[in-house]
């Protein structure tokens, strides 16, 4: 279920950036694509780090 949610998030993000923010995937706008990849990487690090902290907090609270 989580994989499907993440896949839907990625597809929706690509769709919105390609059609609504005038960021078509062309050579002239490669900096926007690289910035998008960078921001998504940072967001993934924050999200996975938060989940990791909450998981270990739960384990430590039960002991």
C-alpha atoms as a PDB file:
ATOM      1  CA  UNK A   1       0.000   0.000   0.000  1.00  0.00           C
ATOM      2  CA  UNK A   2       2.847   2.373   0.789  1.00  0.00           C
ATOM      3  CA  UNK A   3       4.505   1.635  -2.548  1.00  0.00           C
ATOM      4  CA  UNK A   4       1.300   2.474  -4.408  1.00  0.00           C
ATOM      5  CA  UNK A   5       0.948   5.732  -2.463  1.00  0.00           C
ATOM      6  CA  UNK A   6       4.536   6.774  -3.185  1.00  0.00           C
ATOM      7  CA  UNK A   7       4.152   5.868  -6.857  1.00  0.00           C
ATOM      8  CA  UNK A   8       0.946   7.918  -7.088  1.00  0.00           C
ATOM      9  CA  UNK A   9       2.706  10.844  -5.398  1.00  0.00           C
ATOM     10  CA  UNK A  10       5.587  10.732  -7.878  1.00  0.00           C
ATOM     11  CA  UNK A  11       3.299  10.469 -10.900  1.00  0.00           C
ATOM     12  CA  UNK A  12       1.094  13.320  -9.656  1.00  0.00           C
ATOM     13  CA  UNK A  13       4.121  15.512  -8.960  1.00  0.00           C
ATOM     14  CA  UNK A  14       5.557  14.934 -12.428  1.00  0.00           C
ATOM     15  CA  UNK A  15       2.159  15.624 -13.979  1.00  0.00           C
ATOM     16  CA  UNK A  16       1.673  18.882 -12.084  1.00  0.00           C
ATOM     17  CA  UNK A  17       5.156  20.170 -12.788  1.00  0.00           C
ATOM     18  CA  UNK A  18       5.049  19.276 -16.460  1.00  0.00           C
ATOM     19  CA  UNK A  19       1.608  20.714 -17.231  1.00  0.00           C
ATOM     20  CA  UNK A  20       0.772  23.367 -14.647  1.00  0.00           C
ATOM     21  CA  UNK A  21       4.068  25.056 -13.835  1.00  0.00           C
ATOM     22  CA  UNK A  22       5.322  25.368 -17.422  1.00  0.00           C
ATOM     23  CA  UNK A  23       8.267  23.070 -16.691  1.00  0.00           C
ATOM     24  CA  UNK A  24       8.249  20.908 -19.747  1.00  0.00           C
ATOM     25  CA  UNK A  25      11.174  18.532 -19.950  1.00  0.00           C
ATOM     26  CA  UNK A  26      13.376  20.367 -22.424  1.00  0.00           C
ATOM     27  CA  UNK A  27      17.057  21.242 -22.531  1.00  0.00           C
ATOM     28  CA  UNK A  28      16.373  24.907 -21.811  1.00  0.00           C
ATOM     29  CA  UNK A  29      14.727  24.128 -18.491  1.00  0.00           C
ATOM     30  CA  UNK A  30      17.039  21.419 -17.176  1.00  0.00           C
ATOM     31  CA  UNK A  31      17.813  23.548 -14.122  1.00  0.00           C
ATOM     32  CA  UNK A  32      14.168  23.325 -13.033  1.00  0.00           C
ATOM     33  CA  UNK A  33      14.219  19.567 -13.338  1.00  0.00           C
ATOM     34  CA  UNK A  34      17.459  19.271 -11.393  1.00  0.00           C
ATOM     35  CA  UNK A  35      16.071  21.574  -8.692  1.00  0.00           C
ATOM     36  CA  UNK A  36      12.916  19.446  -8.522  1.00  0.00           C
ATOM     37  CA  UNK A  37      14.988  16.287  -8.084  1.00  0.00           C
ATOM     38  CA  UNK A  38      17.035  17.980  -5.359  1.00  0.00           C
ATOM     39  CA  UNK A  39      13.936  19.156  -3.471  1.00  0.00           C
ATOM     40  CA  UNK A  40      12.303  15.737  -3.745  1.00  0.00           C
ATOM     41  CA  UNK A  41      15.484  14.107  -2.429  1.00  0.00           C
ATOM     42  CA  UNK A  42      15.595  16.436   0.570  1.00  0.00           C
ATOM     43  CA  UNK A  43      11.880  15.853   1.222  1.00  0.00           C
ATOM     44  CA  UNK A  44      12.422  12.086   1.050  1.00  0.00           C
ATOM     45  CA  UNK A  45      15.297  12.342   3.537  1.00  0.00           C
ATOM     46  CA  UNK A  46      13.153  14.377   5.957  1.00  0.00           C
ATOM     47  CA  UNK A  47      10.165  12.053   5.565  1.00  0.00           C
ATOM     48  CA  UNK A  48      12.118   8.826   5.977  1.00  0.00           C
ATOM     49  CA  UNK A  49      14.090  10.295   8.886  1.00  0.00           C
ATOM     50  CA  UNK A  50      10.875  11.276  10.642  1.00  0.00           C
ATOM     51  CA  UNK A  51       9.443   7.794  10.167  1.00  0.00           C
ATOM     52  CA  UNK A  52      12.672   6.232  11.437  1.00  0.00           C
ATOM     53  CA  UNK A  53      12.679   8.438  14.549  1.00  0.00           C
ATOM     54  CA  UNK A  54       9.012   7.704  15.297  1.00  0.00           C
ATOM     55  CA  UNK A  55       9.539   3.958  14.837  1.00  0.00           C
ATOM     56  CA  UNK A  56      12.471   3.869  17.246  1.00  0.00           C
ATOM     57  CA  UNK A  57      10.660   6.153  19.677  1.00  0.00           C
ATOM     58  CA  UNK A  58       7.768   3.687  19.735  1.00  0.00           C
ATOM     59  CA  UNK A  59      10.124   0.770  20.388  1.00  0.00           C
ATOM     60  CA  UNK A  60      11.906   2.630  23.191  1.00  0.00           C
ATOM     61  CA  UNK A  61       8.634   3.666  24.826  1.00  0.00           C
ATOM     62  CA  UNK A  62       7.389   0.059  24.915  1.00  0.00           C
ATOM     63  CA  UNK A  63      10.531  -1.236  26.663  1.00  0.00           C
END
